N, C-alpha and C. Protein backbone atom coordinates (compact mmCIF):
# COMPACT_ATOMS: atom_id res chain seq x y z
N MET A 1 -43.19 114.43 -45.00
CA MET A 1 -44.31 115.13 -44.39
C MET A 1 -45.57 114.27 -44.41
N PHE A 2 -45.76 113.53 -45.50
CA PHE A 2 -46.95 112.68 -45.63
C PHE A 2 -47.05 111.69 -44.48
N TYR A 3 -45.92 111.04 -44.12
CA TYR A 3 -45.98 110.02 -43.08
C TYR A 3 -46.25 110.61 -41.71
N TYR A 4 -45.76 111.81 -41.45
CA TYR A 4 -46.08 112.49 -40.19
C TYR A 4 -47.59 112.71 -40.09
N ILE A 5 -48.17 113.21 -41.16
CA ILE A 5 -49.62 113.46 -41.17
C ILE A 5 -50.40 112.16 -41.05
N ALA A 6 -49.95 111.13 -41.78
CA ALA A 6 -50.63 109.83 -41.73
C ALA A 6 -50.58 109.24 -40.32
N ILE A 7 -49.43 109.32 -39.67
CA ILE A 7 -49.29 108.77 -38.31
C ILE A 7 -50.14 109.54 -37.32
N ILE A 8 -50.10 110.85 -37.40
CA ILE A 8 -50.91 111.67 -36.48
C ILE A 8 -52.40 111.41 -36.71
N SER A 9 -52.81 111.29 -37.96
CA SER A 9 -54.22 111.01 -38.28
C SER A 9 -54.62 109.65 -37.76
N TRP A 10 -53.77 108.64 -37.97
CA TRP A 10 -54.08 107.29 -37.51
C TRP A 10 -54.13 107.24 -35.98
N ALA A 11 -53.19 107.92 -35.33
CA ALA A 11 -53.18 107.97 -33.87
C ALA A 11 -54.44 108.65 -33.35
N PHE A 12 -54.89 109.68 -34.05
CA PHE A 12 -56.14 110.34 -33.66
C PHE A 12 -57.32 109.38 -33.79
N LEU A 13 -57.36 108.58 -34.84
CA LEU A 13 -58.46 107.60 -35.00
C LEU A 13 -58.44 106.57 -33.88
N ILE A 14 -57.25 106.13 -33.49
CA ILE A 14 -57.15 105.19 -32.36
C ILE A 14 -57.68 105.86 -31.09
N TYR A 15 -57.25 107.09 -30.85
CA TYR A 15 -57.69 107.84 -29.67
C TYR A 15 -59.21 108.01 -29.68
N TRP A 16 -59.75 108.39 -30.83
CA TRP A 16 -61.19 108.59 -30.96
C TRP A 16 -61.94 107.29 -30.66
N GLY A 17 -61.46 106.18 -31.21
CA GLY A 17 -62.10 104.88 -30.93
C GLY A 17 -62.05 104.51 -29.46
N SER A 18 -60.96 104.87 -28.81
CA SER A 18 -60.82 104.58 -27.38
C SER A 18 -61.68 105.50 -26.51
N SER A 19 -62.18 106.57 -27.09
CA SER A 19 -63.00 107.52 -26.35
C SER A 19 -64.47 107.13 -26.30
N VAL A 20 -64.85 106.12 -27.07
CA VAL A 20 -66.25 105.69 -27.10
C VAL A 20 -66.56 104.94 -25.80
N GLN A 21 -67.62 105.36 -25.13
CA GLN A 21 -68.02 104.71 -23.89
C GLN A 21 -68.45 103.27 -24.18
N ALA A 22 -68.21 102.40 -23.22
CA ALA A 22 -68.53 100.99 -23.39
C ALA A 22 -70.01 100.79 -23.72
N SER A 23 -70.87 101.60 -23.14
CA SER A 23 -72.31 101.45 -23.37
C SER A 23 -72.70 101.81 -24.81
N ASP A 24 -71.85 102.58 -25.49
CA ASP A 24 -72.12 102.98 -26.87
C ASP A 24 -71.53 102.03 -27.90
N LEU A 25 -70.76 101.06 -27.43
CA LEU A 25 -70.18 100.09 -28.35
C LEU A 25 -71.21 99.03 -28.73
N PRO A 26 -71.22 98.61 -29.99
CA PRO A 26 -72.16 97.55 -30.37
C PRO A 26 -71.74 96.22 -29.75
N SER A 27 -72.70 95.35 -29.51
CA SER A 27 -72.34 94.04 -28.98
C SER A 27 -71.63 93.27 -30.09
N ALA A 28 -70.56 92.59 -29.71
CA ALA A 28 -69.74 91.88 -30.69
C ALA A 28 -69.11 90.67 -30.00
N PRO A 29 -68.65 89.71 -30.79
CA PRO A 29 -67.96 88.56 -30.19
C PRO A 29 -66.75 89.01 -29.38
N SER A 30 -66.35 88.19 -28.44
CA SER A 30 -65.27 88.55 -27.52
C SER A 30 -63.93 88.79 -28.22
N TYR A 31 -63.70 88.15 -29.35
CA TYR A 31 -62.43 88.31 -30.05
C TYR A 31 -62.34 89.62 -30.84
N THR A 32 -63.42 90.38 -30.92
CA THR A 32 -63.44 91.61 -31.70
C THR A 32 -62.39 92.61 -31.22
N SER A 33 -62.25 92.76 -29.91
CA SER A 33 -61.27 93.69 -29.36
C SER A 33 -59.86 93.31 -29.81
N PHE A 34 -59.57 92.01 -29.80
CA PHE A 34 -58.26 91.52 -30.25
C PHE A 34 -58.01 91.92 -31.70
N VAL A 35 -58.99 91.68 -32.55
CA VAL A 35 -58.85 91.97 -33.98
C VAL A 35 -58.69 93.47 -34.21
N VAL A 36 -59.48 94.28 -33.51
CA VAL A 36 -59.40 95.73 -33.67
C VAL A 36 -58.03 96.25 -33.24
N HIS A 37 -57.56 95.83 -32.06
CA HIS A 37 -56.24 96.27 -31.59
C HIS A 37 -55.14 95.82 -32.55
N LEU A 38 -55.20 94.58 -33.00
CA LEU A 38 -54.20 94.06 -33.92
C LEU A 38 -54.16 94.89 -35.19
N PHE A 39 -55.33 95.18 -35.76
CA PHE A 39 -55.40 95.97 -37.00
C PHE A 39 -54.89 97.39 -36.78
N GLU A 40 -55.36 98.04 -35.71
CA GLU A 40 -54.95 99.43 -35.46
C GLU A 40 -53.43 99.56 -35.36
N TYR A 41 -52.82 98.65 -34.61
CA TYR A 41 -51.39 98.76 -34.37
C TYR A 41 -50.55 98.13 -35.48
N PHE A 42 -51.14 97.27 -36.28
CA PHE A 42 -50.49 96.78 -37.49
C PHE A 42 -50.25 97.96 -38.44
N ILE A 43 -51.29 98.76 -38.65
CA ILE A 43 -51.18 99.94 -39.52
C ILE A 43 -50.20 100.94 -38.92
N LEU A 44 -50.32 101.20 -37.62
CA LEU A 44 -49.41 102.14 -36.96
C LEU A 44 -47.96 101.66 -37.08
N GLY A 45 -47.73 100.37 -36.88
CA GLY A 45 -46.37 99.82 -37.02
C GLY A 45 -45.82 100.01 -38.41
N GLY A 46 -46.65 99.78 -39.41
CA GLY A 46 -46.22 99.98 -40.79
C GLY A 46 -45.90 101.43 -41.09
N LEU A 47 -46.76 102.33 -40.65
CA LEU A 47 -46.53 103.76 -40.88
C LEU A 47 -45.27 104.25 -40.16
N LEU A 48 -45.08 103.80 -38.92
CA LEU A 48 -43.88 104.20 -38.18
C LEU A 48 -42.62 103.66 -38.86
N THR A 49 -42.69 102.44 -39.35
CA THR A 49 -41.55 101.86 -40.06
C THR A 49 -41.20 102.69 -41.28
N LYS A 50 -42.22 103.03 -42.04
CA LYS A 50 -42.00 103.83 -43.24
C LYS A 50 -41.38 105.18 -42.87
N LEU A 51 -41.87 105.80 -41.81
CA LEU A 51 -41.32 107.10 -41.39
C LEU A 51 -39.87 106.96 -40.94
N VAL A 52 -39.58 105.97 -40.10
CA VAL A 52 -38.21 105.78 -39.60
C VAL A 52 -37.26 105.60 -40.77
N GLN A 53 -37.67 104.84 -41.75
CA GLN A 53 -36.80 104.60 -42.89
C GLN A 53 -36.72 105.77 -43.85
N ARG A 54 -37.64 106.70 -43.79
CA ARG A 54 -37.62 107.89 -44.65
C ARG A 54 -36.73 108.99 -44.10
N ILE A 55 -36.42 108.92 -42.83
CA ILE A 55 -35.55 109.93 -42.23
C ILE A 55 -34.15 109.70 -42.81
N LYS A 56 -33.67 110.66 -43.56
CA LYS A 56 -32.45 110.48 -44.34
C LYS A 56 -31.22 110.15 -43.50
N SER A 57 -31.15 110.68 -42.32
CA SER A 57 -29.98 110.42 -41.47
C SER A 57 -30.12 109.12 -40.69
N CYS A 58 -31.19 108.40 -40.93
CA CYS A 58 -31.50 107.22 -40.13
C CYS A 58 -31.51 105.96 -41.01
N VAL A 59 -30.36 105.31 -41.13
CA VAL A 59 -30.28 104.05 -41.86
C VAL A 59 -30.00 102.98 -40.81
N LEU A 60 -31.04 102.23 -40.47
CA LEU A 60 -30.94 101.26 -39.39
C LEU A 60 -31.10 99.84 -39.90
N SER A 61 -30.62 98.90 -39.11
CA SER A 61 -30.83 97.49 -39.42
C SER A 61 -32.30 97.14 -39.18
N TYR A 62 -32.70 95.97 -39.64
CA TYR A 62 -34.07 95.50 -39.38
C TYR A 62 -34.36 95.52 -37.88
N LYS A 63 -33.43 94.98 -37.12
CA LYS A 63 -33.62 94.86 -35.68
C LYS A 63 -33.77 96.23 -35.01
N LYS A 64 -32.90 97.17 -35.37
CA LYS A 64 -32.97 98.51 -34.76
C LYS A 64 -34.22 99.25 -35.19
N THR A 65 -34.61 99.09 -36.46
CA THR A 65 -35.86 99.71 -36.92
C THR A 65 -37.03 99.17 -36.12
N LEU A 66 -37.08 97.87 -35.95
CA LEU A 66 -38.16 97.24 -35.19
C LEU A 66 -38.17 97.74 -33.75
N MET A 67 -37.00 97.88 -33.15
CA MET A 67 -36.93 98.36 -31.76
C MET A 67 -37.46 99.78 -31.64
N VAL A 68 -37.11 100.66 -32.60
CA VAL A 68 -37.60 102.04 -32.57
C VAL A 68 -39.11 102.06 -32.73
N VAL A 69 -39.62 101.28 -33.67
CA VAL A 69 -41.07 101.23 -33.92
C VAL A 69 -41.80 100.71 -32.68
N ILE A 70 -41.29 99.66 -32.07
CA ILE A 70 -41.93 99.11 -30.87
C ILE A 70 -41.89 100.13 -29.73
N LEU A 71 -40.77 100.79 -29.54
CA LEU A 71 -40.67 101.79 -28.47
C LEU A 71 -41.69 102.91 -28.65
N ILE A 72 -41.71 103.51 -29.83
CA ILE A 72 -42.64 104.62 -30.08
C ILE A 72 -44.09 104.12 -30.01
N GLY A 73 -44.36 102.99 -30.66
CA GLY A 73 -45.72 102.44 -30.69
C GLY A 73 -46.23 102.04 -29.32
N MET A 74 -45.37 101.44 -28.50
CA MET A 74 -45.82 101.01 -27.18
C MET A 74 -46.00 102.18 -26.22
N ILE A 75 -45.24 103.24 -26.40
CA ILE A 75 -45.49 104.44 -25.59
C ILE A 75 -46.89 104.96 -25.91
N TYR A 76 -47.23 104.98 -27.19
CA TYR A 76 -48.57 105.43 -27.57
C TYR A 76 -49.64 104.46 -27.06
N ALA A 77 -49.40 103.16 -27.21
CA ALA A 77 -50.37 102.16 -26.76
C ALA A 77 -50.60 102.27 -25.25
N PHE A 78 -49.53 102.46 -24.48
CA PHE A 78 -49.66 102.61 -23.03
C PHE A 78 -50.47 103.86 -22.70
N SER A 79 -50.19 104.96 -23.39
CA SER A 79 -50.95 106.19 -23.12
C SER A 79 -52.42 106.01 -23.51
N ASP A 80 -52.68 105.23 -24.53
CA ASP A 80 -54.06 104.96 -24.94
C ASP A 80 -54.79 104.14 -23.87
N GLU A 81 -54.11 103.17 -23.30
CA GLU A 81 -54.72 102.37 -22.24
C GLU A 81 -54.97 103.21 -20.99
N ILE A 82 -54.06 104.11 -20.66
CA ILE A 82 -54.27 105.04 -19.54
C ILE A 82 -55.49 105.91 -19.83
N HIS A 83 -55.59 106.40 -21.05
CA HIS A 83 -56.73 107.23 -21.46
C HIS A 83 -58.05 106.49 -21.23
N GLN A 84 -58.09 105.20 -21.50
CA GLN A 84 -59.33 104.43 -21.37
C GLN A 84 -59.80 104.31 -19.92
N ILE A 85 -58.91 104.49 -18.97
CA ILE A 85 -59.31 104.47 -17.56
C ILE A 85 -60.33 105.57 -17.28
N PHE A 86 -60.24 106.66 -18.01
CA PHE A 86 -61.10 107.82 -17.79
C PHE A 86 -62.36 107.82 -18.66
N VAL A 87 -62.57 106.75 -19.42
CA VAL A 87 -63.74 106.63 -20.29
C VAL A 87 -64.72 105.66 -19.62
N SER A 88 -65.97 106.07 -19.50
CA SER A 88 -66.99 105.28 -18.82
C SER A 88 -67.10 103.87 -19.40
N GLY A 89 -66.96 102.89 -18.51
CA GLY A 89 -67.10 101.49 -18.92
C GLY A 89 -65.87 100.88 -19.55
N ARG A 90 -64.82 101.65 -19.74
CA ARG A 90 -63.58 101.14 -20.33
C ARG A 90 -62.54 100.97 -19.23
N HIS A 91 -61.48 100.25 -19.51
CA HIS A 91 -60.46 100.00 -18.51
C HIS A 91 -59.10 99.74 -19.16
N PHE A 92 -58.07 99.76 -18.34
CA PHE A 92 -56.71 99.42 -18.75
C PHE A 92 -56.63 97.91 -18.84
N ALA A 93 -56.10 97.38 -19.94
CA ALA A 93 -56.01 95.92 -20.11
C ALA A 93 -54.63 95.54 -20.64
N LEU A 94 -53.92 94.71 -19.88
CA LEU A 94 -52.61 94.25 -20.32
C LEU A 94 -52.70 93.43 -21.60
N ILE A 95 -53.77 92.67 -21.78
CA ILE A 95 -53.93 91.88 -22.99
C ILE A 95 -54.01 92.78 -24.22
N ASP A 96 -54.59 93.96 -24.05
CA ASP A 96 -54.64 94.92 -25.16
C ASP A 96 -53.23 95.41 -25.51
N LEU A 97 -52.41 95.64 -24.49
CA LEU A 97 -51.03 96.05 -24.74
C LEU A 97 -50.25 94.96 -25.47
N LEU A 98 -50.47 93.72 -25.08
CA LEU A 98 -49.81 92.60 -25.75
C LEU A 98 -50.26 92.52 -27.21
N THR A 99 -51.55 92.67 -27.44
CA THR A 99 -52.08 92.64 -28.81
C THR A 99 -51.53 93.81 -29.62
N ASP A 100 -51.41 94.98 -29.00
CA ASP A 100 -50.84 96.14 -29.68
C ASP A 100 -49.40 95.85 -30.10
N ALA A 101 -48.63 95.24 -29.20
CA ALA A 101 -47.23 94.92 -29.51
C ALA A 101 -47.14 93.94 -30.68
N ILE A 102 -48.01 92.94 -30.69
CA ILE A 102 -48.03 91.98 -31.80
C ILE A 102 -48.35 92.70 -33.10
N GLY A 103 -49.33 93.60 -33.08
CA GLY A 103 -49.69 94.36 -34.27
C GLY A 103 -48.54 95.22 -34.76
N LEU A 104 -47.85 95.89 -33.84
CA LEU A 104 -46.71 96.72 -34.21
C LEU A 104 -45.61 95.90 -34.87
N ILE A 105 -45.30 94.75 -34.27
CA ILE A 105 -44.25 93.88 -34.80
C ILE A 105 -44.63 93.36 -36.18
N LEU A 106 -45.84 92.86 -36.32
CA LEU A 106 -46.28 92.35 -37.62
C LEU A 106 -46.30 93.43 -38.69
N GLY A 107 -46.84 94.59 -38.34
CA GLY A 107 -46.90 95.69 -39.30
C GLY A 107 -45.52 96.14 -39.73
N SER A 108 -44.62 96.29 -38.77
CA SER A 108 -43.26 96.71 -39.09
C SER A 108 -42.56 95.67 -39.94
N PHE A 109 -42.66 94.42 -39.53
CA PHE A 109 -41.99 93.34 -40.24
C PHE A 109 -42.48 93.23 -41.68
N ILE A 110 -43.78 93.26 -41.86
CA ILE A 110 -44.34 93.12 -43.21
C ILE A 110 -44.00 94.32 -44.08
N PHE A 111 -44.05 95.53 -43.53
CA PHE A 111 -43.69 96.70 -44.31
C PHE A 111 -42.21 96.66 -44.70
N MET A 112 -41.36 96.12 -43.82
CA MET A 112 -39.94 96.01 -44.15
C MET A 112 -39.71 94.96 -45.24
N LYS A 113 -40.45 93.87 -45.17
CA LYS A 113 -40.26 92.78 -46.13
C LYS A 113 -40.88 93.06 -47.49
N LEU A 114 -41.98 93.81 -47.52
CA LEU A 114 -42.66 94.08 -48.79
C LEU A 114 -41.97 95.13 -49.64
N LYS A 115 -41.26 96.02 -49.02
CA LYS A 115 -40.61 97.12 -49.73
C LYS A 115 -39.12 97.12 -49.43
N ASN A 116 -38.35 97.65 -50.35
CA ASN A 116 -36.93 97.83 -50.11
C ASN A 116 -36.77 99.17 -49.42
N PHE A 117 -36.40 99.15 -48.14
CA PHE A 117 -36.27 100.37 -47.36
C PHE A 117 -34.82 100.81 -47.20
N ASN A 118 -33.92 100.25 -47.98
CA ASN A 118 -32.50 100.57 -47.86
C ASN A 118 -32.01 100.31 -46.45
N ILE A 119 -32.41 99.20 -45.93
CA ILE A 119 -32.01 98.85 -44.57
C ILE A 119 -30.68 98.10 -44.62
N VAL A 120 -29.78 98.50 -43.77
CA VAL A 120 -28.50 97.79 -43.63
C VAL A 120 -28.78 96.55 -42.82
N LYS A 121 -28.52 95.38 -43.37
CA LYS A 121 -28.95 94.14 -42.72
C LYS A 121 -28.16 93.75 -41.49
N TYR A 122 -26.91 94.08 -41.39
CA TYR A 122 -26.10 93.57 -40.27
C TYR A 122 -25.39 94.66 -39.49
N SER A 123 -26.02 95.80 -39.33
CA SER A 123 -25.35 96.83 -38.54
C SER A 123 -26.08 97.09 -37.25
């Protein structure tokens, strides 16, 4: 239950951040967006990994766990980019989707490597 709440809360924070109009954002170096997206989706990837591995009927290999996390995470990332089309001064950006994917992969990979998730290595 904890991971469901954590994921929903984190997804809400991402959504809330994406709802800020461009004119209300502080001026920052150009790489700031990259860092923010990477961090947001790194955490989301880790949380999703933890949830997937906590589902008792779901014992997946590293590769399958990563695929599930990327699928779920990228659906959310795509919906977030669509949402930004409707926010003043914001837009859909493919580079943001790429950065989100990198964050998901890194977060999932590191969470899998740091903890023993009872993952079957070759199935």
